Amino acid sequence: MAVVTLSAVIHREGDLYVAECPELGTVSQGRTIEEAVANLKEATGLYLDEQEQLLTIAPAILTTFSIDTSNVEAA
């Protein structure tokens, strides 16, 4: 099996970190960033093991954007 480099997008939800692989759509979580990424690697490996054919994995495109929040009232 070839080594493939994938992306992990991480955000916090409550007490947990959620990690998502945008190229494949796999998601996992953990109490720390390191644990979330380790769990994502495991989940992604299991997902790829179940595939009957080799997937073509397109690289993720990451960008940023800005929005004007001056009209939004603070909670």
N, C-alpha and C. Protein backbone atom coordinates (compact mmCIF):
# COMPACT_ATOMS: atom_id res chain seq x y z
N MET A 1 0.84 -1.18 0.00
CA MET A 1 0.00 0.00 0.00
C MET A 1 0.88 1.24 0.00
N ALA A 2 0.55 2.20 -0.84
CA ALA A 2 1.30 3.44 -0.94
C ALA A 2 0.93 4.38 0.20
N VAL A 3 1.86 5.25 0.54
CA VAL A 3 1.60 6.27 1.56
C VAL A 3 0.95 7.46 0.89
N VAL A 4 -0.15 7.92 1.45
CA VAL A 4 -0.88 9.07 0.91
C VAL A 4 -0.95 10.14 2.00
N THR A 5 -0.68 11.37 1.64
CA THR A 5 -0.81 12.47 2.58
C THR A 5 -2.16 13.12 2.39
N LEU A 6 -2.92 13.20 3.48
CA LEU A 6 -4.27 13.78 3.46
C LEU A 6 -4.33 14.97 4.41
N SER A 7 -5.41 15.71 4.34
CA SER A 7 -5.59 16.88 5.20
C SER A 7 -6.47 16.54 6.39
N ALA A 8 -6.28 17.26 7.47
CA ALA A 8 -7.15 17.17 8.63
C ALA A 8 -7.58 18.58 9.01
N VAL A 9 -8.89 18.81 9.03
CA VAL A 9 -9.45 20.08 9.48
C VAL A 9 -9.99 19.83 10.88
N ILE A 10 -9.55 20.64 11.83
CA ILE A 10 -9.89 20.39 13.23
C ILE A 10 -10.62 21.59 13.80
N HIS A 11 -11.70 21.30 14.53
CA HIS A 11 -12.40 22.36 15.27
C HIS A 11 -12.87 21.79 16.61
N ARG A 12 -13.19 22.69 17.50
CA ARG A 12 -13.60 22.29 18.84
C ARG A 12 -15.12 22.27 18.95
N GLU A 13 -15.65 21.23 19.57
CA GLU A 13 -17.08 21.12 19.88
C GLU A 13 -17.18 20.74 21.35
N GLY A 14 -17.52 21.71 22.19
CA GLY A 14 -17.60 21.44 23.62
C GLY A 14 -16.24 21.07 24.17
N ASP A 15 -16.16 19.91 24.80
CA ASP A 15 -14.91 19.44 25.40
C ASP A 15 -14.06 18.62 24.45
N LEU A 16 -14.51 18.43 23.22
CA LEU A 16 -13.82 17.56 22.28
C LEU A 16 -13.30 18.32 21.07
N TYR A 17 -12.28 17.77 20.45
CA TYR A 17 -11.80 18.24 19.15
C TYR A 17 -12.34 17.30 18.10
N VAL A 18 -12.85 17.86 17.01
CA VAL A 18 -13.37 17.08 15.89
C VAL A 18 -12.41 17.25 14.72
N ALA A 19 -11.99 16.14 14.14
CA ALA A 19 -11.06 16.16 13.00
C ALA A 19 -11.76 15.55 11.80
N GLU A 20 -11.66 16.24 10.67
CA GLU A 20 -12.30 15.77 9.43
C GLU A 20 -11.28 15.75 8.31
N CYS A 21 -11.33 14.70 7.50
CA CYS A 21 -10.51 14.59 6.30
C CYS A 21 -11.38 15.05 5.12
N PRO A 22 -11.15 16.25 4.58
CA PRO A 22 -12.02 16.75 3.52
C PRO A 22 -11.91 15.98 2.21
N GLU A 23 -10.79 15.34 1.97
CA GLU A 23 -10.65 14.58 0.73
C GLU A 23 -11.57 13.35 0.69
N LEU A 24 -11.80 12.74 1.85
CA LEU A 24 -12.58 11.50 1.90
C LEU A 24 -13.88 11.61 2.68
N GLY A 25 -14.00 12.65 3.51
CA GLY A 25 -15.21 12.82 4.30
C GLY A 25 -15.22 12.05 5.61
N THR A 26 -14.09 11.44 5.97
CA THR A 26 -14.04 10.73 7.24
C THR A 26 -13.90 11.74 8.38
N VAL A 27 -14.49 11.37 9.54
CA VAL A 27 -14.52 12.27 10.70
C VAL A 27 -14.28 11.46 11.95
N SER A 28 -13.59 12.06 12.91
CA SER A 28 -13.42 11.44 14.22
C SER A 28 -13.24 12.54 15.25
N GLN A 29 -13.06 12.15 16.50
CA GLN A 29 -12.93 13.14 17.57
C GLN A 29 -11.99 12.63 18.64
N GLY A 30 -11.59 13.54 19.53
CA GLY A 30 -10.73 13.16 20.65
C GLY A 30 -10.69 14.26 21.68
N ARG A 31 -10.15 13.94 22.85
CA ARG A 31 -10.05 14.93 23.93
C ARG A 31 -8.95 15.96 23.67
N THR A 32 -7.97 15.58 22.86
CA THR A 32 -6.89 16.49 22.47
C THR A 32 -6.80 16.51 20.95
N ILE A 33 -6.08 17.47 20.41
CA ILE A 33 -5.88 17.53 18.96
C ILE A 33 -5.16 16.27 18.49
N GLU A 34 -4.14 15.87 19.24
CA GLU A 34 -3.36 14.69 18.86
C GLU A 34 -4.24 13.44 18.84
N GLU A 35 -5.11 13.31 19.83
CA GLU A 35 -6.00 12.15 19.89
C GLU A 35 -7.01 12.18 18.75
N ALA A 36 -7.53 13.37 18.44
CA ALA A 36 -8.49 13.49 17.34
C ALA A 36 -7.84 13.10 16.02
N VAL A 37 -6.61 13.54 15.79
CA VAL A 37 -5.91 13.20 14.54
C VAL A 37 -5.57 11.70 14.50
N ALA A 38 -5.14 11.15 15.63
CA ALA A 38 -4.85 9.71 15.67
C ALA A 38 -6.11 8.91 15.38
N ASN A 39 -7.24 9.32 15.95
CA ASN A 39 -8.50 8.63 15.69
C ASN A 39 -8.95 8.79 14.25
N LEU A 40 -8.68 9.98 13.67
CA LEU A 40 -9.01 10.20 12.26
C LEU A 40 -8.17 9.31 11.36
N LYS A 41 -6.88 9.16 11.68
CA LYS A 41 -6.02 8.28 10.89
C LYS A 41 -6.54 6.85 10.93
N GLU A 42 -6.95 6.40 12.12
CA GLU A 42 -7.49 5.04 12.25
C GLU A 42 -8.79 4.89 11.45
N ALA A 43 -9.70 5.86 11.60
CA ALA A 43 -10.98 5.79 10.89
C ALA A 43 -10.78 5.83 9.38
N THR A 44 -9.85 6.67 8.92
CA THR A 44 -9.58 6.78 7.49
C THR A 44 -8.95 5.50 6.96
N GLY A 45 -8.04 4.91 7.73
CA GLY A 45 -7.44 3.64 7.33
C GLY A 45 -8.48 2.54 7.20
N LEU A 46 -9.40 2.47 8.16
CA LEU A 46 -10.48 1.48 8.09
C LEU A 46 -11.38 1.72 6.89
N TYR A 47 -11.67 3.00 6.63
CA TYR A 47 -12.50 3.35 5.46
C TYR A 47 -11.83 2.90 4.17
N LEU A 48 -10.55 3.19 4.05
CA LEU A 48 -9.83 2.81 2.82
C LEU A 48 -9.71 1.29 2.69
N ASP A 49 -9.58 0.57 3.81
CA ASP A 49 -9.53 -0.89 3.76
C ASP A 49 -10.81 -1.49 3.19
N GLU A 50 -11.94 -0.81 3.38
CA GLU A 50 -13.23 -1.30 2.92
C GLU A 50 -13.50 -1.00 1.45
N GLN A 51 -12.70 -0.14 0.85
CA GLN A 51 -12.91 0.22 -0.55
C GLN A 51 -12.49 -0.94 -1.45
N GLU A 52 -13.33 -1.26 -2.42
CA GLU A 52 -13.04 -2.38 -3.32
C GLU A 52 -12.12 -1.98 -4.47
N GLN A 53 -11.98 -0.69 -4.68
CA GLN A 53 -11.08 -0.23 -5.73
C GLN A 53 -10.30 0.97 -5.22
N LEU A 54 -9.18 1.21 -5.84
CA LEU A 54 -8.35 2.33 -5.44
C LEU A 54 -9.07 3.64 -5.76
N LEU A 55 -9.16 4.48 -4.76
CA LEU A 55 -9.81 5.77 -4.94
C LEU A 55 -8.85 6.77 -5.56
N THR A 56 -9.38 7.66 -6.36
CA THR A 56 -8.61 8.80 -6.83
C THR A 56 -8.84 9.91 -5.82
N ILE A 57 -7.80 10.28 -5.12
CA ILE A 57 -7.94 11.26 -4.05
C ILE A 57 -7.44 12.60 -4.55
N ALA A 58 -8.37 13.54 -4.68
CA ALA A 58 -8.01 14.88 -5.12
C ALA A 58 -7.56 15.70 -3.91
N PRO A 59 -6.53 16.51 -4.07
CA PRO A 59 -6.09 17.31 -2.94
C PRO A 59 -7.16 18.32 -2.53
N ALA A 60 -7.24 18.58 -1.24
CA ALA A 60 -8.19 19.56 -0.73
C ALA A 60 -7.69 20.96 -1.09
N ILE A 61 -8.61 21.86 -1.28
CA ILE A 61 -8.28 23.26 -1.52
C ILE A 61 -8.71 24.02 -0.28
N LEU A 62 -7.77 24.65 0.38
CA LEU A 62 -8.05 25.39 1.60
C LEU A 62 -7.91 26.87 1.32
N THR A 63 -8.92 27.62 1.71
CA THR A 63 -8.88 29.07 1.54
C THR A 63 -9.53 29.71 2.75
N THR A 64 -9.48 30.99 2.82
CA THR A 64 -10.14 31.73 3.88
C THR A 64 -11.08 32.76 3.25
N PHE A 65 -12.01 33.26 4.03
CA PHE A 65 -12.89 34.31 3.55
C PHE A 65 -13.26 35.21 4.72
N SER A 66 -13.69 36.41 4.43
CA SER A 66 -14.09 37.37 5.45
C SER A 66 -15.54 37.73 5.27
N ILE A 67 -16.21 38.00 6.39
CA ILE A 67 -17.59 38.48 6.34
C ILE A 67 -17.71 39.68 7.25
N ASP A 68 -18.64 40.54 6.96
CA ASP A 68 -18.89 41.73 7.75
C ASP A 68 -19.88 41.38 8.86
N THR A 69 -19.45 41.49 10.10
CA THR A 69 -20.31 41.18 11.23
C THR A 69 -20.76 42.42 11.98
N SER A 70 -20.58 43.59 11.37
CA SER A 70 -20.93 44.83 12.06
C SER A 70 -22.43 44.96 12.30
N ASN A 71 -23.25 44.26 11.54
CA ASN A 71 -24.71 44.33 11.71
C ASN A 71 -25.24 43.26 12.64
N VAL A 72 -24.36 42.40 13.19
CA VAL A 72 -24.80 41.30 14.05
C VAL A 72 -24.70 41.75 15.50
N GLU A 73 -25.80 41.55 16.23
CA GLU A 73 -25.81 41.92 17.65
C GLU A 73 -25.10 40.85 18.47
N ALA A 74 -24.37 41.30 19.47
CA ALA A 74 -23.68 40.37 20.37
C ALA A 74 -24.71 39.68 21.26
N ALA A 75 -24.47 38.41 21.56
CA ALA A 75 -25.39 37.64 22.41
C ALA A 75 -25.24 37.99 23.87
